[in-house]
């Protein structure tokens, strides 16, 4: 069986892309597993929930600004 240079290049690209995909999936899953078993800082969680604004709050603030004008 004859393998021309184009086919050899294709094989190399598939192997490199496969290794990159496996590495990326491994890093993502590793972070998720660590997140499940890691310690949570209660103070940071409270600050994060206080800083989050819902879309309803943004709409209400925009209405208030429009009423003032």
PDB file of N, CA and C in Angstrom:
ATOM      1  N   UNK A   1       0.845  -1.178   0.000  1.00  0.00           N
ATOM      2  CA  UNK A   1       0.000   0.000   0.000  1.00  0.00           C
ATOM      3  C   UNK A   1       0.890   1.240   0.000  1.00  0.00           C
ATOM      4  N   UNK A   2       0.525   2.213  -0.799  1.00  0.00           N
ATOM      5  CA  UNK A   2       1.325   3.425  -0.961  1.00  0.00           C
ATOM      6  C   UNK A   2       0.699   4.577  -0.174  1.00  0.00           C
ATOM      7  N   UNK A   3       1.525   5.267   0.623  1.00  0.00           N
ATOM      8  CA  UNK A   3       1.080   6.451   1.346  1.00  0.00           C
ATOM      9  C   UNK A   3       1.804   7.660   0.774  1.00  0.00           C
ATOM     10  N   UNK A   4       1.072   8.548   0.180  1.00  0.00           N
ATOM     11  CA  UNK A   4       1.697   9.751  -0.351  1.00  0.00           C
ATOM     12  C   UNK A   4       1.896  10.759   0.782  1.00  0.00           C
ATOM     13  N   UNK A   5       2.680  11.813   0.564  1.00  0.00           N
ATOM     14  CA  UNK A   5       2.961  12.788   1.631  1.00  0.00           C
ATOM     15  C   UNK A   5       1.701  13.464   2.181  1.00  0.00           C
ATOM     16  N   UNK A   6       0.696  13.679   1.351  1.00  0.00           N
ATOM     17  CA  UNK A   6      -0.543  14.302   1.822  1.00  0.00           C
ATOM     18  C   UNK A   6      -1.262  13.442   2.840  1.00  0.00           C
ATOM     19  N   UNK A   7      -1.276  12.132   2.614  1.00  0.00           N
ATOM     20  CA  UNK A   7      -1.939  11.229   3.550  1.00  0.00           C
ATOM     21  C   UNK A   7      -1.155  11.134   4.866  1.00  0.00           C
ATOM     22  N   UNK A   8       0.164  11.148   4.767  1.00  0.00           N
ATOM     23  CA  UNK A   8       0.998  11.124   5.977  1.00  0.00           C
ATOM     24  C   UNK A   8       0.781  12.380   6.805  1.00  0.00           C
ATOM     25  N   UNK A   9       0.644  13.508   6.138  1.00  0.00           N
ATOM     26  CA  UNK A   9       0.381  14.765   6.827  1.00  0.00           C
ATOM     27  C   UNK A   9      -0.982  14.728   7.513  1.00  0.00           C
ATOM     28  N   UNK A  10      -1.967  14.131   6.840  1.00  0.00           N
ATOM     29  CA  UNK A  10      -3.298  14.007   7.416  1.00  0.00           C
ATOM     30  C   UNK A  10      -3.261  13.156   8.691  1.00  0.00           C
ATOM     31  N   UNK A  11      -2.520  12.073   8.650  1.00  0.00           N
ATOM     32  CA  UNK A  11      -2.399  11.201   9.825  1.00  0.00           C
ATOM     33  C   UNK A  11      -1.769  11.969  10.987  1.00  0.00           C
ATOM     34  N   UNK A  12      -0.728  12.734  10.714  1.00  0.00           N
ATOM     35  CA  UNK A  12      -0.061  13.510  11.766  1.00  0.00           C
ATOM     36  C   UNK A  12      -1.027  14.542  12.346  1.00  0.00           C
ATOM     37  N   UNK A  13      -1.803  15.209  11.502  1.00  0.00           N
ATOM     38  CA  UNK A  13      -2.762  16.203  11.982  1.00  0.00           C
ATOM     39  C   UNK A  13      -3.830  15.570  12.858  1.00  0.00           C
ATOM     40  N   UNK A  14      -4.304  14.395  12.485  1.00  0.00           N
ATOM     41  CA  UNK A  14      -5.327  13.705  13.282  1.00  0.00           C
ATOM     42  C   UNK A  14      -4.769  13.327  14.647  1.00  0.00           C
ATOM     43  N   UNK A  15      -3.548  12.837  14.680  1.00  0.00           N
ATOM     44  CA  UNK A  15      -2.933  12.442  15.954  1.00  0.00           C
ATOM     45  C   UNK A  15      -2.731  13.661  16.850  1.00  0.00           C
ATOM     46  N   UNK A  16      -2.220  14.749  16.302  1.00  0.00           N
ATOM     47  CA  UNK A  16      -1.971  15.961  17.101  1.00  0.00           C
ATOM     48  C   UNK A  16      -3.290  16.547  17.607  1.00  0.00           C
ATOM     49  N   UNK A  17      -4.306  16.596  16.737  1.00  0.00           N
ATOM     50  CA  UNK A  17      -5.608  17.126  17.158  1.00  0.00           C
ATOM     51  C   UNK A  17      -6.229  16.240  18.229  1.00  0.00           C
ATOM     52  N   UNK A  18      -6.090  14.935  18.096  1.00  0.00           N
ATOM     53  CA  UNK A  18      -6.618  14.013  19.109  1.00  0.00           C
ATOM     54  C   UNK A  18      -5.952  14.216  20.458  1.00  0.00           C
ATOM     55  N   UNK A  19      -4.634  14.375  20.454  1.00  0.00           N
ATOM     56  CA  UNK A  19      -3.914  14.609  21.709  1.00  0.00           C
ATOM     57  C   UNK A  19      -4.328  15.938  22.331  1.00  0.00           C
ATOM     58  N   UNK A  20      -4.507  16.960  21.508  1.00  0.00           N
ATOM     59  CA  UNK A  20      -4.932  18.261  22.034  1.00  0.00           C
ATOM     60  C   UNK A  20      -6.333  18.172  22.628  1.00  0.00           C
ATOM     61  N   UNK A  21      -7.228  17.451  21.970  1.00  0.00           N
ATOM     62  CA  UNK A  21      -8.594  17.303  22.476  1.00  0.00           C
ATOM     63  C   UNK A  21      -8.612  16.538  23.791  1.00  0.00           C
ATOM     64  N   UNK A  22      -7.840  15.476  23.873  1.00  0.00           N
ATOM     65  CA  UNK A  22      -7.776  14.698  25.115  1.00  0.00           C
ATOM     66  C   UNK A  22      -7.213  15.554  26.243  1.00  0.00           C
ATOM     67  N   UNK A  23      -6.176  16.338  25.946  1.00  0.00           N
ATOM     68  CA  UNK A  23      -5.590  17.220  26.964  1.00  0.00           C
ATOM     69  C   UNK A  23      -6.569  18.277  27.452  1.00  0.00           C
ATOM     70  N   UNK A  24      -7.320  18.854  26.527  1.00  0.00           N
ATOM     71  CA  UNK A  24      -8.296  19.877  26.909  1.00  0.00           C
ATOM     72  C   UNK A  24      -9.410  19.272  27.746  1.00  0.00           C
ATOM     73  N   UNK A  25      -9.918  18.121  27.330  1.00  0.00           N
ATOM     74  CA  UNK A  25     -10.982  17.455  28.105  1.00  0.00           C
ATOM     75  C   UNK A  25     -10.480  17.076  29.491  1.00  0.00           C
ATOM     76  N   UNK A  26      -9.246  16.607  29.565  1.00  0.00           N
ATOM     77  CA  UNK A  26      -8.674  16.222  30.847  1.00  0.00           C
ATOM     78  C   UNK A  26      -8.600  17.435  31.781  1.00  0.00           C
ATOM     79  N   UNK A  27      -8.167  18.572  31.257  1.00  0.00           N
ATOM     80  CA  UNK A  27      -8.043  19.773  32.085  1.00  0.00           C
ATOM     81  C   UNK A  27      -9.415  20.254  32.560  1.00  0.00           C
ATOM     82  N   UNK A  28     -10.410  20.206  31.689  1.00  0.00           N
ATOM     83  CA  UNK A  28     -11.752  20.639  32.068  1.00  0.00           C
ATOM     84  C   UNK A  28     -12.329  19.725  33.137  1.00  0.00           C
ATOM     85  N   UNK A  29     -12.222  18.423  32.929  1.00  0.00           N
ATOM     86  CA  UNK A  29     -12.770  17.469  33.897  1.00  0.00           C
ATOM     87  C   UNK A  29     -12.027  17.545  35.224  1.00  0.00           C
ATOM     88  N   UNK A  30     -10.734  17.753  35.172  1.00  0.00           N
ATOM     89  CA  UNK A  30      -9.940  17.886  36.394  1.00  0.00           C
ATOM     90  C   UNK A  30     -10.425  19.083  37.215  1.00  0.00           C
ATOM     91  N   UNK A  31     -10.697  20.190  36.544  1.00  0.00           N
ATOM     92  CA  UNK A  31     -11.197  21.377  37.233  1.00  0.00           C
ATOM     93  C   UNK A  31     -12.573  21.152  37.825  1.00  0.00           C
ATOM     94  N   UNK A  32     -13.439  20.439  37.112  1.00  0.00           N
ATOM     95  CA  UNK A  32     -14.784  20.176  37.623  1.00  0.00           C
ATOM     96  C   UNK A  32     -14.741  19.257  38.835  1.00  0.00           C
ATOM     97  N   UNK A  33     -13.893  18.238  38.792  1.00  0.00           N
ATOM     98  CA  UNK A  33     -13.785  17.320  39.933  1.00  0.00           C
ATOM     99  C   UNK A  33     -13.198  18.038  41.135  1.00  0.00           C
ATOM    100  N   UNK A  34     -12.188  18.858  40.908  1.00  0.00           N
ATOM    101  CA  UNK A  34     -11.618  19.632  42.017  1.00  0.00           C
ATOM    102  C   UNK A  34     -12.655  20.573  42.605  1.00  0.00           C
ATOM    103  N   UNK A  35     -13.503  21.144  41.754  1.00  0.00           N
ATOM    104  CA  UNK A  35     -14.553  22.046  42.221  1.00  0.00           C
ATOM    105  C   UNK A  35     -15.583  21.332  43.083  1.00  0.00           C
ATOM    106  N   UNK A  36     -15.842  20.071  42.776  1.00  0.00           N
ATOM    107  CA  UNK A  36     -16.806  19.316  43.576  1.00  0.00           C
ATOM    108  C   UNK A  36     -16.291  19.049  44.985  1.00  0.00           C
ATOM    109  N   UNK A  37     -14.999  18.748  45.091  1.00  0.00           N
ATOM    110  CA  UNK A  37     -14.448  18.353  46.379  1.00  0.00           C
ATOM    111  C   UNK A  37     -13.660  19.444  47.072  1.00  0.00           C
ATOM    112  N   UNK A  38     -13.539  20.598  46.448  1.00  0.00           N
ATOM    113  CA  UNK A  38     -12.774  21.693  47.035  1.00  0.00           C
ATOM    114  C   UNK A  38     -13.554  22.410  48.123  1.00  0.00           C
ATOM    115  N   UNK A  39     -12.819  23.185  48.911  1.00  0.00           N
ATOM    116  CA  UNK A  39     -13.457  23.980  49.958  1.00  0.00           C
ATOM    117  C   UNK A  39     -14.055  25.236  49.344  1.00  0.00           C
ATOM    118  N   UNK A  40     -15.177  25.657  49.887  1.00  0.00           N
ATOM    119  CA  UNK A  40     -15.815  26.884  49.429  1.00  0.00           C
ATOM    120  C   UNK A  40     -15.664  27.948  50.495  1.00  0.00           C
ATOM    121  N   UNK A  41     -15.360  29.145  50.075  1.00  0.00           N
ATOM    122  CA  UNK A  41     -15.241  30.266  50.980  1.00  0.00           C
ATOM    123  C   UNK A  41     -16.600  30.956  51.035  1.00  0.00           C
ATOM    124  N   UNK A  42     -17.235  30.927  52.198  1.00  0.00           N
ATOM    125  CA  UNK A  42     -18.585  31.456  52.339  1.00  0.00           C
ATOM    126  C   UNK A  42     -18.616  32.949  52.048  1.00  0.00           C
ATOM    127  N   UNK A  43     -17.608  33.694  52.464  1.00  0.00           N
ATOM    128  CA  UNK A  43     -17.586  35.139  52.243  1.00  0.00           C
ATOM    129  C   UNK A  43     -17.542  35.464  50.752  1.00  0.00           C
ATOM    130  N   UNK A  44     -16.760  34.724  49.988  1.00  0.00           N
ATOM    131  CA  UNK A  44     -16.679  34.970  48.551  1.00  0.00           C
ATOM    132  C   UNK A  44     -18.000  34.639  47.871  1.00  0.00           C
ATOM    133  N   UNK A  45     -18.677  33.569  48.326  1.00  0.00           N
ATOM    134  CA  UNK A  45     -19.958  33.196  47.741  1.00  0.00           C
ATOM    135  C   UNK A  45     -21.005  34.282  47.989  1.00  0.00           C
ATOM    136  N   UNK A  46     -21.017  34.859  49.200  1.00  0.00           N
ATOM    137  CA  UNK A  46     -21.985  35.905  49.508  1.00  0.00           C
ATOM    138  C   UNK A  46     -21.719  37.151  48.675  1.00  0.00           C
ATOM    139  N   UNK A  47     -20.438  37.499  48.498  1.00  0.00           N
ATOM    140  CA  UNK A  47     -20.101  38.661  47.684  1.00  0.00           C
ATOM    141  C   UNK A  47     -20.506  38.441  46.236  1.00  0.00           C
ATOM    142  N   UNK A  48     -20.309  37.236  45.746  1.00  0.00           N
ATOM    143  CA  UNK A  48     -20.645  36.940  44.351  1.00  0.00           C
ATOM    144  C   UNK A  48     -22.148  37.050  44.126  1.00  0.00           C
ATOM    145  N   UNK A  49     -22.947  36.589  45.077  1.00  0.00           N
ATOM    146  CA  UNK A  49     -24.393  36.665  44.884  1.00  0.00           C
ATOM    147  C   UNK A  49     -24.883  38.102  45.015  1.00  0.00           C
ATOM    148  N   UNK A  50     -24.210  38.907  45.836  1.00  0.00           N
ATOM    149  CA  UNK A  50     -24.601  40.299  45.974  1.00  0.00           C
ATOM    150  C   UNK A  50     -24.271  41.083  44.711  1.00  0.00           C
ATOM    151  N   UNK A  51     -23.177  40.732  44.028  1.00  0.00           N
ATOM    152  CA  UNK A  51     -22.752  41.469  42.853  1.00  0.00           C
ATOM    153  C   UNK A  51     -23.555  41.102  41.613  1.00  0.00           C
ATOM    154  N   UNK A  52     -24.151  39.931  41.593  1.00  0.00           N
ATOM    155  CA  UNK A  52     -24.906  39.507  40.429  1.00  0.00           C
ATOM    156  C   UNK A  52     -26.212  40.300  40.336  1.00  0.00           C
ATOM    157  N   UNK A  53     -26.491  40.776  39.157  1.00  0.00           N
ATOM    158  CA  UNK A  53     -27.746  41.482  38.945  1.00  0.00           C
ATOM    159  C   UNK A  53     -28.562  40.698  37.930  1.00  0.00           C
ATOM    160  N   UNK A  54     -29.844  40.659  38.170  1.00  0.00           N
ATOM    161  CA  UNK A  54     -30.714  39.945  37.246  1.00  0.00           C
ATOM    162  C   UNK A  54     -31.141  40.882  36.129  1.00  0.00           C
ATOM    163  N   UNK A  55     -31.662  40.309  35.080  1.00  0.00           N
ATOM    164  CA  UNK A  55     -32.100  41.142  33.963  1.00  0.00           C
ATOM    165  C   UNK A  55     -33.274  42.021  34.371  1.00  0.00           C
ATOM    166  N   UNK A  56     -34.093  41.544  35.313  1.00  0.00           N
ATOM    167  CA  UNK A  56     -35.220  42.349  35.788  1.00  0.00           C
ATOM    168  C   UNK A  56     -34.719  43.612  36.482  1.00  0.00           C
ATOM    169  N   UNK A  57     -33.642  43.478  37.281  1.00  0.00           N
ATOM    170  CA  UNK A  57     -33.100  44.641  37.963  1.00  0.00           C
ATOM    171  C   UNK A  57     -32.557  45.655  36.963  1.00  0.00           C
ATOM    172  N   UNK A  58     -31.924  45.195  35.920  1.00  0.00           N
ATOM    173  CA  UNK A  58     -31.389  46.099  34.909  1.00  0.00           C
ATOM    174  C   UNK A  58     -32.520  46.830  34.199  1.00  0.00           C
ATOM    175  N   UNK A  59     -33.586  46.106  33.868  1.00  0.00           N
ATOM    176  CA  UNK A  59     -34.733  46.735  33.202  1.00  0.00           C
ATOM    177  C   UNK A  59     -35.376  47.763  34.121  1.00  0.00           C
ATOM    178  N   UNK A  60     -35.532  47.428  35.402  1.00  0.00           N
ATOM    179  CA  UNK A  60     -36.132  48.364  36.354  1.00  0.00           C
ATOM    180  C   UNK A  60     -35.277  49.619  36.513  1.00  0.00           C
ATOM    181  N   UNK A  61     -33.959  49.448  36.550  1.00  0.00           N
ATOM    182  CA  UNK A  61     -33.079  50.604  36.662  1.00  0.00           C
ATOM    183  C   UNK A  61     -33.190  51.477  35.417  1.00  0.00           C
ATOM    184  N   UNK A  62     -33.293  50.867  34.254  1.00  0.00           N
ATOM    185  CA  UNK A  62     -33.427  51.636  33.012  1.00  0.00           C
ATOM    186  C   UNK A  62     -34.742  52.404  32.998  1.00  0.00           C
ATOM    187  N   UNK A  63     -35.797  51.801  33.492  1.00  0.00           N
ATOM    188  CA  UNK A  63     -37.100  52.502  33.558  1.00  0.00           C
ATOM    189  C   UNK A  63     -37.019  53.694  34.500  1.00  0.00           C
ATOM    190  N   UNK A  64     -36.329  53.497  35.649  1.00  0.00           N
ATOM    191  CA  UNK A  64     -36.189  54.597  36.599  1.00  0.00           C
ATOM    192  C   UNK A  64     -35.420  55.765  35.981  1.00  0.00           C
ATOM    193  N   UNK A  65     -34.384  55.445  35.233  1.00  0.00           N
ATOM    194  CA  UNK A  65     -33.594  56.494  34.590  1.00  0.00           C
ATOM    195  C   UNK A  65     -34.455  57.228  33.561  1.00  0.00           C
ATOM    196  N   UNK A  66     -35.247  56.490  32.809  1.00  0.00           N
ATOM    197  CA  UNK A  66     -36.106  57.111  31.803  1.00  0.00           C
ATOM    198  C   UNK A  66     -37.175  57.989  32.444  1.00  0.00           C
ATOM    199  N   UNK A  67     -37.670  57.612  33.619  1.00  0.00           N
ATOM    200  CA  UNK A  67     -38.677  58.432  34.307  1.00  0.00           C
ATOM    201  C   UNK A  67     -38.077  59.747  34.781  1.00  0.00           C
ATOM    202  N   UNK A  68     -36.813  59.717  35.187  1.00  0.00           N
ATOM    203  CA  UNK A  68     -36.164  60.923  35.679  1.00  0.00           C
ATOM    204  C   UNK A  68     -35.923  61.930  34.570  1.00  0.00           C
ATOM    205  N   UNK A  69     -35.755  61.456  33.362  1.00  0.00           N
ATOM    206  CA  UNK A  69     -35.431  62.352  32.230  1.00  0.00           C
ATOM    207  C   UNK A  69     -36.621  62.994  31.708  1.00  0.00           C
TER     208      UNK A  69
END
